[in-house]
Protein backbone atom coordinates (compact mmCIF):
# COMPACT_ATOMS: atom_id res chain seq x y z
CA MET A 1 -62.02 -6.86 -77.41
CA VAL A 2 -58.74 -5.31 -76.18
CA SER A 3 -55.68 -5.00 -78.43
CA GLU A 4 -52.25 -3.72 -77.45
CA LEU A 5 -50.32 -1.27 -79.61
CA ALA A 6 -46.54 -1.09 -79.96
CA ARG A 7 -44.69 2.23 -80.24
CA GLY A 8 -45.14 3.60 -83.77
CA GLU A 9 -47.98 1.20 -84.66
CA ASN A 10 -51.18 2.54 -86.19
CA ARG A 11 -54.69 1.10 -86.51
CA PRO A 12 -58.01 2.30 -87.95
CA ALA A 13 -59.97 4.24 -85.35
CA PRO A 14 -62.41 1.73 -83.85
CA ALA A 15 -65.34 4.21 -83.81
CA ASP A 16 -66.35 7.81 -84.42
CA GLN A 17 -66.42 8.54 -80.68
CA LEU A 18 -63.24 7.71 -78.79
CA THR A 19 -62.18 8.18 -75.16
CA VAL A 20 -58.45 8.31 -74.51
CA THR A 21 -57.66 7.57 -70.86
CA VAL A 22 -54.14 8.07 -69.52
CA ARG A 23 -53.20 6.25 -66.31
CA SER A 24 -49.91 6.48 -64.47
CA SER A 25 -48.40 5.46 -61.16
CA VAL A 26 -47.39 9.11 -60.67
CA GLY A 27 -49.38 12.34 -60.93
CA VAL A 28 -49.77 13.54 -64.50
CA ASP A 29 -51.66 16.27 -66.34
CA VAL A 30 -53.40 15.14 -69.52
CA SER A 31 -54.00 17.51 -72.42
CA ALA A 32 -54.89 17.45 -76.12
CA LEU A 33 -53.98 19.63 -79.09
CA LEU A 34 -55.86 20.08 -82.37
CA LEU A 35 -53.26 20.41 -85.13
CA GLY A 36 -53.43 21.52 -88.73
CA THR A 37 -51.54 19.97 -91.62
CA ASP A 38 -48.48 21.99 -90.57
CA GLY A 39 -48.39 20.17 -87.24
CA ARG A 40 -49.28 23.28 -85.23
CA VAL A 41 -52.38 24.59 -83.48
CA ARG A 42 -54.49 27.04 -85.46
CA ALA A 43 -54.90 29.21 -82.34
CA ASP A 44 -54.38 28.90 -78.59
CA ALA A 45 -58.00 27.73 -78.29
CA ASP A 46 -56.87 24.42 -79.86
CA PHE A 47 -54.97 23.56 -76.66
CA VAL A 48 -57.34 21.52 -74.46
CA PHE A 49 -56.29 21.05 -70.83
CA PHE A 50 -57.52 21.50 -67.24
CA ASN A 51 -57.94 25.29 -67.57
CA GLN A 52 -59.46 25.17 -71.07
CA PRO A 53 -61.33 21.86 -71.17
CA ALA A 54 -63.17 22.00 -74.51
CA ALA A 55 -62.63 22.63 -78.22
CA PRO A 56 -64.71 21.58 -81.23
CA GLY A 57 -65.00 17.80 -81.09
CA VAL A 58 -62.55 17.42 -78.16
CA THR A 59 -63.27 17.52 -74.41
CA TYR A 60 -61.01 17.06 -71.37
CA ARG A 61 -62.36 15.29 -68.26
CA HIS A 62 -60.67 14.93 -64.87
CA GLY A 63 -60.55 11.28 -63.81
CA ARG A 64 -60.52 11.97 -60.04
CA GLY A 65 -57.68 9.54 -59.48
CA ALA A 66 -58.74 6.99 -62.10
CA GLY A 67 -56.91 8.55 -65.06
CA ASP A 68 -57.76 11.77 -66.89
CA MET A 69 -59.69 11.44 -70.14
CA VAL A 70 -59.95 13.13 -73.52
CA ASP A 71 -63.12 12.52 -75.52
CA VAL A 72 -62.72 12.84 -79.30
CA ARG A 73 -65.81 13.00 -81.53
CA THR A 74 -64.26 12.76 -84.97
CA GLY A 75 -67.42 13.89 -86.75
CA GLU A 76 -67.28 17.23 -84.92
CA VAL A 77 -63.58 17.95 -85.43
CA PRO A 78 -63.18 20.93 -87.83
CA ALA A 79 -62.21 20.04 -91.39
CA ASP A 80 -58.94 22.00 -91.21
CA VAL A 81 -57.76 19.96 -88.20
CA ASP A 82 -55.52 17.12 -89.43
CA LYS A 83 -54.88 15.35 -86.13
CA VAL A 84 -55.57 15.38 -82.40
CA VAL A 85 -52.62 14.50 -80.14
CA VAL A 86 -53.09 13.44 -76.51
CA THR A 87 -50.24 14.17 -74.11
CA ALA A 88 -49.26 13.54 -70.49
CA SER A 89 -46.92 15.68 -68.36
CA LEU A 90 -45.72 15.33 -64.78
CA ASP A 91 -47.75 17.52 -62.44
CA GLY A 92 -44.94 18.22 -59.97
CA SER A 93 -46.35 16.13 -57.12
CA GLY A 94 -44.01 13.17 -57.66
CA PRO A 95 -40.74 12.36 -59.44
CA THR A 96 -39.00 14.90 -61.61
CA THR A 97 -38.86 12.65 -64.71
CA PHE A 98 -40.83 9.72 -66.10
CA ALA A 99 -37.92 7.45 -65.16
CA GLY A 100 -39.56 7.38 -61.74
CA ALA A 101 -42.92 6.23 -63.10
CA ASP A 102 -43.59 2.50 -62.90
CA THR A 103 -46.48 2.68 -65.37
CA LEU A 104 -47.79 5.02 -68.05
CA VAL A 105 -50.59 3.59 -70.18
CA ALA A 106 -52.91 5.19 -72.73
CA THR A 107 -56.21 3.44 -73.48
CA ILE A 108 -58.38 4.27 -76.50
CA GLY A 109 -61.88 3.11 -75.67
CA SER A 110 -65.00 2.92 -77.85
CA THR A 111 -68.17 0.92 -78.29
CA SER A 112 -66.42 -1.20 -80.95
CA GLY A 113 -63.27 -2.17 -79.07
CA THR A 114 -60.37 -0.96 -76.96
CA LEU A 115 -56.74 -0.26 -77.81
CA THR A 116 -54.03 0.05 -75.14
CA PHE A 117 -50.54 1.48 -75.39
CA PRO A 118 -48.13 0.90 -72.46
CA MET A 119 -45.19 3.32 -72.64
CA ALA A 120 -41.88 1.98 -71.34
CA GLY A 121 -38.23 2.97 -71.54
CA LEU A 122 -38.75 6.63 -70.61
CA SER A 123 -35.85 8.34 -68.82
CA THR A 124 -35.30 12.12 -68.69
CA GLU A 125 -38.70 13.01 -70.17
CA THR A 126 -41.13 15.15 -68.19
CA ALA A 127 -43.86 15.13 -70.86
CA VAL A 128 -44.94 12.57 -73.46
CA VAL A 129 -47.08 12.58 -76.59
CA CYS A 130 -49.05 9.40 -75.93
CA VAL A 131 -51.23 8.87 -79.00
CA GLU A 132 -52.48 10.74 -82.02
CA ILE A 133 -55.80 10.44 -83.82
CA TYR A 134 -55.34 11.56 -87.41
CA ARG A 135 -56.98 11.72 -90.84
CA ARG A 136 -55.82 9.44 -93.65
CA GLN A 137 -57.60 9.27 -97.02
CA GLY A 138 -60.97 10.34 -95.65
CA ALA A 139 -60.86 8.05 -92.60
CA TRP A 140 -59.54 8.35 -89.05
CA LYS A 141 -56.66 6.32 -87.67
CA VAL A 142 -54.90 5.93 -84.31
CA ARG A 143 -51.12 5.89 -83.81
CA ALA A 144 -49.11 4.99 -80.70
CA VAL A 145 -46.41 7.66 -80.39
CA GLY A 146 -44.66 7.63 -76.98
CA GLN A 147 -42.37 10.55 -77.86
CA GLY A 148 -40.99 12.46 -74.87
CA TYR A 149 -39.96 16.02 -74.04
CA ASP A 150 -37.62 17.17 -71.28
CA ASN A 151 -39.34 20.53 -70.64
CA GLY A 152 -42.80 19.45 -69.53
CA LEU A 153 -46.21 20.80 -70.43
CA ALA A 154 -44.75 24.14 -71.47
CA GLY A 155 -42.41 22.35 -73.87
CA ILE A 156 -45.24 20.41 -75.51
CA ALA A 157 -47.36 23.54 -75.84
CA THR A 158 -44.51 25.50 -77.40
CA ALA A 159 -43.54 22.66 -79.77
CA PHE A 160 -47.03 22.67 -81.24
CA GLY A 161 -47.29 26.47 -81.58
CA VAL A 162 -49.18 27.48 -78.43
CA ASN A 163 -48.23 30.96 -77.20
CA ILE A 164 -47.49 30.52 -73.48
CA ASP A 165 -46.24 34.09 -73.01
CA ASP A 166 -49.69 35.65 -73.42
CA GLU A 167 -51.07 38.44 -71.28
CA PRO A 168 -54.74 39.02 -70.47
CA GLN A 169 -55.88 41.57 -73.03
CA PRO A 170 -57.39 44.77 -71.55
CA ALA A 171 -60.77 45.86 -72.85
CA PRO A 172 -60.41 48.42 -75.68
CA ASN A 173 -60.53 52.12 -74.83
CA GLN A 174 -60.51 51.44 -71.10
CA PRO A 175 -57.18 52.57 -69.65
CA ALA A 176 -56.59 51.85 -65.99
CA PRO A 177 -58.04 54.56 -63.71
CA GLN A 178 -55.85 56.82 -61.66
CA GLN A 179 -56.79 56.95 -58.00
CA VAL A 180 -56.94 59.63 -55.36
CA PRO A 181 -55.57 57.98 -52.22
CA PRO A 182 -55.72 59.60 -48.81
CA PRO A 183 -52.47 61.37 -47.94
CA PRO A 184 -50.08 58.67 -46.68
CA PRO A 185 -48.41 59.14 -43.31
CA GLN A 186 -44.85 60.36 -43.51
CA GLN A 187 -42.45 57.50 -42.85
CA PRO A 188 -38.92 58.11 -41.59
CA ARG A 189 -36.42 57.24 -44.30
CA ALA A 190 -33.13 55.61 -43.49
CA GLN A 191 -30.06 57.73 -44.22
CA GLY A 192 -28.37 56.98 -47.49
CA TYR A 193 -31.56 55.80 -49.26
CA PRO A 194 -32.95 58.85 -51.08
CA ALA A 195 -36.52 59.02 -52.29
CA GLN A 196 -37.12 58.62 -56.00
CA GLN A 197 -38.32 61.70 -57.81
CA PRO A 198 -41.92 61.61 -59.11
CA ARG A 199 -42.19 60.58 -62.73
CA PRO A 200 -44.78 61.90 -65.19
CA VAL A 201 -47.48 59.50 -66.25
CA PRO A 202 -49.96 59.57 -69.14
CA PRO A 203 -53.15 61.62 -68.63
CA PRO A 204 -55.66 59.79 -66.44
CA GLN A 205 -59.08 58.72 -67.62
CA GLN A 206 -61.77 61.38 -67.63
CA GLY A 207 -63.14 61.96 -64.17
CA TYR A 208 -60.10 60.36 -62.48
CA PRO A 209 -57.78 63.09 -61.10
CA PRO A 210 -54.05 62.32 -60.98
CA GLN A 211 -52.64 60.74 -57.84
CA PRO A 212 -50.65 62.92 -55.46
CA GLY A 213 -46.97 62.60 -56.27
CA TYR A 214 -47.60 62.12 -59.99
CA GLN A 215 -47.56 65.07 -62.37
CA ALA A 216 -50.43 65.40 -64.79
CA GLN A 217 -49.47 66.57 -68.25
CA PRO A 218 -49.81 70.35 -68.81
CA GLY A 219 -53.16 71.58 -69.98
CA TYR A 220 -55.11 68.48 -68.97
CA GLN A 221 -58.35 69.16 -67.14
CA PRO A 222 -60.30 66.14 -65.87
CA GLN A 223 -63.91 66.14 -67.01
CA PRO A 224 -66.81 64.53 -65.16
CA SER A 225 -67.48 60.97 -66.24
CA PRO A 226 -70.82 60.97 -68.11
CA GLY A 227 -73.69 58.85 -67.00
CA TYR A 228 -72.48 57.73 -63.59
CA HIS A 229 -72.85 59.51 -60.27
CA PRO A 230 -72.19 57.62 -57.04
CA PRO A 231 -75.40 57.54 -55.00
CA ALA A 232 -75.58 59.49 -51.77
CA PRO A 233 -75.26 57.41 -48.60
CA ALA A 234 -78.54 55.77 -47.72
CA PHE A 235 -78.28 56.78 -44.07
CA GLN A 236 -77.83 60.38 -42.97
CA GLN A 237 -76.82 60.98 -39.37
CA GLY A 238 -79.90 61.78 -37.28
CA ALA A 239 -82.38 60.74 -40.01
CA GLN A 240 -82.29 56.94 -39.80
CA PRO A 241 -85.06 55.13 -37.87
CA MET A 242 -82.51 53.53 -35.52
CA HIS A 243 -79.28 54.50 -33.80
CA SER A 244 -75.94 52.71 -33.58
CA GLU A 245 -72.25 53.40 -33.52
CA LEU A 246 -72.28 51.60 -36.89
CA PHE A 247 -73.76 54.77 -38.40
CA ASP A 248 -70.72 56.75 -37.36
CA PRO A 249 -68.94 58.34 -40.37
CA ALA A 250 -65.94 56.11 -39.61
CA HIS A 251 -67.94 53.19 -41.05
CA ALA A 252 -69.17 55.03 -44.16
CA GLU A 253 -67.75 54.15 -47.54
CA VAL A 254 -64.78 56.20 -48.64
CA ASN A 255 -64.96 58.59 -51.57
CA GLY A 256 -62.80 58.59 -54.66
CA VAL A 257 -62.20 56.58 -57.80
CA GLY A 258 -59.86 53.66 -58.38
CA ILE A 259 -58.51 51.34 -55.69
CA GLN A 260 -58.87 52.78 -52.17
CA LYS A 261 -58.61 51.43 -48.63
CA GLN A 262 -61.97 50.91 -46.93
CA GLY A 263 -60.89 50.63 -43.34
CA SER A 264 -57.95 48.37 -42.58
CA LYS A 265 -59.25 45.06 -43.95
CA MET A 266 -61.15 45.96 -47.09
CA ALA A 267 -60.53 47.69 -50.41
CA LYS A 268 -63.05 49.77 -52.32
CA VAL A 269 -62.73 50.27 -56.06
CA GLY A 270 -64.60 53.25 -57.48
CA LEU A 271 -64.94 51.75 -60.92
CA ASN A 272 -65.50 53.41 -64.27
CA GLY A 273 -63.73 50.95 -66.55
CA GLU A 274 -62.05 47.77 -65.34
CA VAL A 275 -59.91 46.33 -62.58
CA MET A 276 -58.28 42.94 -61.97
CA ALA A 277 -59.21 41.31 -58.66
CA ARG A 278 -58.58 38.08 -56.83
CA ALA A 279 -61.27 35.55 -57.75
CA GLY A 280 -63.78 35.21 -54.92
CA SER A 281 -62.66 38.38 -53.10
CA MET A 282 -65.82 40.41 -53.81
CA VAL A 283 -67.80 41.03 -50.62
CA ALA A 284 -70.23 43.65 -51.97
CA TYR A 285 -70.81 45.97 -54.91
CA GLN A 286 -73.13 48.74 -56.04
CA GLY A 287 -73.90 49.84 -59.55
CA ASN A 288 -73.65 48.06 -62.89
CA LEU A 289 -70.65 45.72 -62.70
CA GLU A 290 -69.81 42.56 -64.62
CA PHE A 291 -67.48 39.79 -63.43
CA LYS A 292 -65.49 37.46 -65.66
CA ALA A 293 -63.28 34.67 -64.31
CA LEU A 294 -59.81 34.57 -65.88
CA GLY A 295 -58.24 31.59 -64.10
CA SER A 296 -54.61 32.50 -63.56
CA GLY A 297 -54.61 34.97 -66.44
CA GLY A 298 -54.28 33.16 -69.79
CA ILE A 299 -52.84 29.88 -71.06
CA GLY A 300 -49.25 30.81 -70.26
CA ARG A 301 -50.18 31.79 -66.71
CA ALA A 302 -52.20 28.61 -66.22
CA ILE A 303 -49.22 26.50 -67.27
CA GLN A 304 -46.87 28.51 -65.04
CA GLN A 305 -49.25 28.17 -62.10
CA ARG A 306 -49.56 24.42 -62.61
CA LEU A 307 -45.79 23.94 -62.84
CA THR A 308 -44.85 26.25 -59.95
CA GLY A 309 -47.87 26.30 -57.65
CA GLU A 310 -47.70 30.10 -57.85
CA GLY A 311 -50.06 32.56 -59.47
CA VAL A 312 -53.14 34.71 -58.89
CA PRO A 313 -56.62 33.27 -59.62
CA LEU A 314 -58.15 36.32 -61.27
CA MET A 315 -61.43 37.88 -62.24
CA ARG A 316 -61.87 40.96 -64.43
CA VAL A 317 -64.48 43.40 -63.16
CA THR A 318 -65.86 45.96 -65.60
CA GLY A 319 -68.56 48.62 -65.53
CA GLN A 320 -69.51 51.60 -63.42
CA GLY A 321 -70.05 51.40 -59.69
CA ASP A 322 -68.39 50.61 -56.38
CA LEU A 323 -66.68 47.28 -55.70
CA PHE A 324 -65.69 46.08 -52.22
CA LEU A 325 -62.98 43.43 -51.83
CA ALA A 326 -61.52 41.49 -48.89
CA ASP A 327 -59.66 38.25 -48.23
CA ALA A 328 -60.24 36.44 -44.92
CA ALA A 329 -60.16 39.71 -42.94
CA ALA A 330 -56.46 40.18 -43.75
CA ASP A 331 -54.98 43.67 -43.50
CA VAL A 332 -55.07 45.59 -46.80
CA HIS A 333 -52.32 47.89 -48.07
CA LEU A 334 -51.92 49.92 -51.27
CA ILE A 335 -48.75 50.22 -53.34
CA ASP A 336 -48.30 52.55 -56.32
CA LEU A 337 -45.81 51.44 -58.98
CA ASP A 338 -44.36 54.16 -61.20
CA GLY A 339 -42.54 51.85 -63.62
CA SER A 340 -39.05 52.39 -62.22
CA ASP A 341 -39.03 49.12 -60.24
CA GLY A 342 -41.18 46.01 -59.94
CA LEU A 343 -42.84 44.37 -56.96
CA THR A 344 -42.08 40.74 -56.12
CA ILE A 345 -44.93 39.25 -54.08
CA ASN A 346 -46.58 35.98 -53.19
CA GLY A 347 -49.65 35.46 -55.37
CA ALA A 348 -51.72 34.64 -52.28
CA ASN A 349 -51.14 38.19 -50.99
CA VAL A 350 -52.52 39.92 -54.10
CA LEU A 351 -56.04 41.34 -53.69
CA ALA A 352 -56.51 43.64 -56.72
CA PHE A 353 -54.51 45.65 -59.24
CA ASP A 354 -54.96 48.08 -62.10
CA SER A 355 -55.11 46.41 -65.50
CA SER A 356 -52.21 48.66 -66.59
CA LEU A 357 -49.91 46.43 -64.51
CA THR A 358 -48.53 43.13 -65.79
CA TYR A 359 -47.11 40.19 -63.89
CA ASN A 360 -45.08 37.06 -64.46
CA VAL A 361 -44.20 34.08 -62.29
CA GLN A 362 -40.45 33.94 -61.64
CA ARG A 363 -38.17 31.81 -59.49
CA VAL A 364 -36.98 33.53 -56.32
CA GLN A 365 -33.24 34.07 -56.78
CA GLY A 366 -30.98 32.06 -54.54
CA VAL A 367 -33.66 30.02 -52.73
CA ALA A 368 -33.89 26.86 -54.81
CA SER A 369 -33.16 24.80 -51.70
CA VAL A 370 -35.92 26.10 -49.41
CA ALA A 371 -39.59 27.03 -49.64
CA SER A 372 -40.44 30.60 -48.70
CA ASN A 373 -43.79 32.28 -48.11
CA ALA A 374 -44.22 32.01 -51.90
CA GLY A 375 -42.50 28.65 -52.31
CA PHE A 376 -39.72 28.67 -54.92
CA PHE A 377 -41.57 31.16 -57.13
CA ASN A 378 -43.19 34.57 -56.73
CA CYS A 379 -45.28 36.92 -58.86
CA VAL A 380 -43.36 39.90 -60.23
CA PHE A 381 -45.53 42.94 -61.05
CA SER A 382 -44.28 45.73 -63.29
CA GLY A 383 -45.59 48.81 -65.06
CA ARG A 384 -47.47 51.82 -63.71
CA GLY A 385 -50.52 51.51 -61.55
CA ARG A 386 -51.82 50.54 -58.13
CA ILE A 387 -51.92 47.15 -56.44
CA ALA A 388 -53.76 46.21 -53.24
CA ILE A 389 -52.00 43.55 -51.17
CA THR A 390 -52.85 41.73 -47.94
CA THR A 391 -50.82 40.75 -44.89
CA ASP A 392 -51.54 38.67 -41.81
CA GLY A 393 -51.30 41.51 -39.29
CA ALA A 394 -49.71 44.95 -39.47
CA PRO A 395 -46.35 44.63 -41.30
CA VAL A 396 -43.06 46.42 -40.98
CA VAL A 397 -41.44 47.88 -44.10
CA LEU A 398 -37.65 47.66 -44.05
CA ASN A 399 -35.47 49.93 -46.17
CA VAL A 400 -32.61 47.79 -47.45
CA ASP A 401 -29.74 50.19 -46.81
CA GLN A 402 -27.68 47.56 -45.01
CA PRO A 403 -27.60 43.71 -45.01
CA THR A 404 -31.21 42.66 -44.36
CA TYR A 405 -32.67 39.28 -43.43
CA ALA A 406 -36.22 38.01 -42.95
CA ASP A 407 -37.92 34.77 -42.05
CA PRO A 408 -38.94 33.05 -45.32
CA GLN A 409 -42.53 32.63 -44.08
CA ALA A 410 -42.85 36.27 -42.98
CA ALA A 411 -41.39 38.04 -46.03
CA VAL A 412 -44.46 38.99 -48.08
CA ALA A 413 -43.08 41.25 -50.82
CA TRP A 414 -40.02 43.22 -51.84
CA SER A 415 -38.55 45.43 -54.53
CA SER A 416 -37.84 43.31 -57.60
CA SER A 417 -34.46 44.99 -58.05
CA LEU A 418 -33.16 43.49 -54.78
CA GLN A 419 -30.86 40.48 -54.83
CA THR A 420 -32.06 37.57 -52.70
CA GLY A 421 -30.31 34.60 -51.17
CA ILE A 422 -30.34 32.19 -48.24
CA LYS A 423 -28.41 32.53 -45.00
CA ARG A 424 -28.03 29.45 -42.79
CA ASN A 425 -27.99 30.53 -39.16
CA ASP A 426 -27.50 27.10 -37.54
CA SER A 427 -24.67 24.78 -38.42
CA PHE A 428 -25.77 21.17 -38.81
CA GLY A 429 -24.16 19.66 -35.73
CA LEU A 430 -24.93 17.78 -32.55
CA GLY A 431 -27.05 20.64 -31.21
CA ARG A 432 -29.55 20.28 -34.06
CA LEU A 433 -29.62 16.51 -33.82
CA ILE A 434 -30.71 16.65 -30.17
CA GLY A 435 -33.13 19.53 -30.69
CA ARG A 436 -31.04 22.47 -29.47
CA SER A 437 -31.65 24.85 -32.37
CA THR A 438 -32.45 28.55 -32.51
CA GLY A 439 -35.55 27.77 -34.58
CA GLU A 440 -34.27 30.28 -37.16
CA GLY A 441 -32.12 27.95 -39.24
CA LEU A 442 -32.78 29.66 -42.57
CA THR A 443 -33.46 33.28 -43.44
CA LEU A 444 -33.90 35.15 -46.71
CA SER A 445 -31.16 37.67 -47.34
CA PHE A 446 -31.69 40.91 -49.27
CA SER A 447 -29.13 43.28 -50.73
CA GLY A 448 -29.24 46.24 -53.06
CA ARG A 449 -31.58 49.24 -52.88
CA GLY A 450 -35.25 48.81 -52.13
CA PHE A 451 -37.66 47.66 -49.44
CA VAL A 452 -38.97 44.45 -47.87
CA ILE A 453 -42.48 44.02 -46.43
CA VAL A 454 -42.48 41.66 -43.43
CA GLN A 455 -45.69 40.48 -41.75
CA PRO A 456 -45.91 39.50 -38.05
CA SER A 457 -46.90 35.94 -38.94
CA GLU A 458 -44.89 32.90 -40.00
CA LEU A 459 -47.85 30.97 -41.36
CA PRO A 460 -47.97 30.30 -45.10
CA PRO A 461 -50.63 32.13 -47.14
CA GLY A 462 -54.09 30.97 -46.11
CA GLY A 463 -52.90 29.29 -42.90
CA LEU A 464 -51.71 25.74 -42.32
CA ILE A 465 -53.93 24.31 -45.06
CA GLY A 466 -53.98 27.30 -47.38
CA GLY A 467 -52.12 28.25 -50.53
CA THR A 468 -52.87 29.24 -54.06
CA GLY A 469 -52.37 25.90 -55.76
CA GLY A 470 -52.43 25.57 -59.48
CA GLY A 471 -54.49 24.17 -62.32
CA GLN A 472 -57.38 21.99 -61.25
CA ASP A 473 -56.18 22.09 -57.63
CA ALA A 474 -56.24 25.88 -57.32
CA GLY A 475 -57.00 26.96 -53.78
CA GLN A 476 -56.30 23.51 -52.35
CA ARG A 477 -52.54 23.21 -52.37
CA GLY A 478 -50.19 24.84 -49.97
CA GLY A 479 -49.70 23.85 -46.38
CA LEU A 480 -46.57 24.49 -44.38
CA PHE A 481 -44.48 25.26 -47.46
CA GLY A 482 -46.91 27.47 -49.45
């Protein structure tokens, strides 16, 4: 039997096992929160959504186009949980508010009957609390809520006490290693843009000498790392049972600890601790390493990535050994951050970084009307440490000591302290209407003091069908506009 609920109406829960299905004419993300008597989550683990699909007694399931579902087994819900609320938020693929949704219906199904709740009259809302399943005098009841929020999934999470500003927590007593990079080639510096003076950094981990250009603190002497010695190369020139130019020293693995370049299209991490790497970028490893998927880097990052399409699908690699990373044979480059400025970069161009660095997803200033290589948002890295990035081809690095412009699809990364904007190079006139255009109608403008990394390709990250995506669609979104 099917019964319809009105907004604010409550009924006894029809069974101990309930399935709440949310269907809409527009794309929505469905989530659930386990709340205490104070109306807030006990911990972030009580927020059940596409990147964290299970909690005690509550499970999220993707409906594959037929409506996402939340299964609630009331007998398994912890005793200090007073209610379970089921929510829906716009996923960014359709209208900007629920005023553009023709239908939004929550269905509570069970073996003993079905309740439906059609939600109408929504206007500026971007997220809605659909129903709540709550305790009352030792029994469970269902209430039709239909209350809306104007600030989406992040607003719902914050309203119920979820911390969306979290950072992935580094493993205890494992500071990020300091690397020994090969001496970089000397680049000519434009007049009027002086080099920054080296800044002291904390002592590096034992066995990891300080990087050139950084000053180790007086009196510090690196000690050998106990228990781990990189094995000697398996092949010695002249001793192997076969001969090939592959055995030339140019193809041997590089020495050193931390993030290093291994040729032009691969990075090697001499690991004695931990490093953050792009999920799926491992091509080989030696030694005792462990891999842990982190999604986009915590609940806050997962929400940001879902809302913006921007982020870095991460894995944490820990242990002792050598890790080799690559991404579709793209060129690899290393950047050392000393804490004086940040690096703004498309998430799809991040290969690996020291866990001492932090990042956030931020809107690109001045480009709300056009999609760039990173769409409307980019990742902003800050702190002290090394990051390995990728480009499609050998890039040029421009010092911004005069007005600087770059194609939005070719600008990969830049100093976070730069100011960005949009310059329109073609006026919208008869020439554009009949196809006589320069083809360079919009460019990103940069001003201030810093640098811009420009790749020789105008394809979005991952090619015509690539992109980072977000949430349950990670790795599938993108296309011509990132």
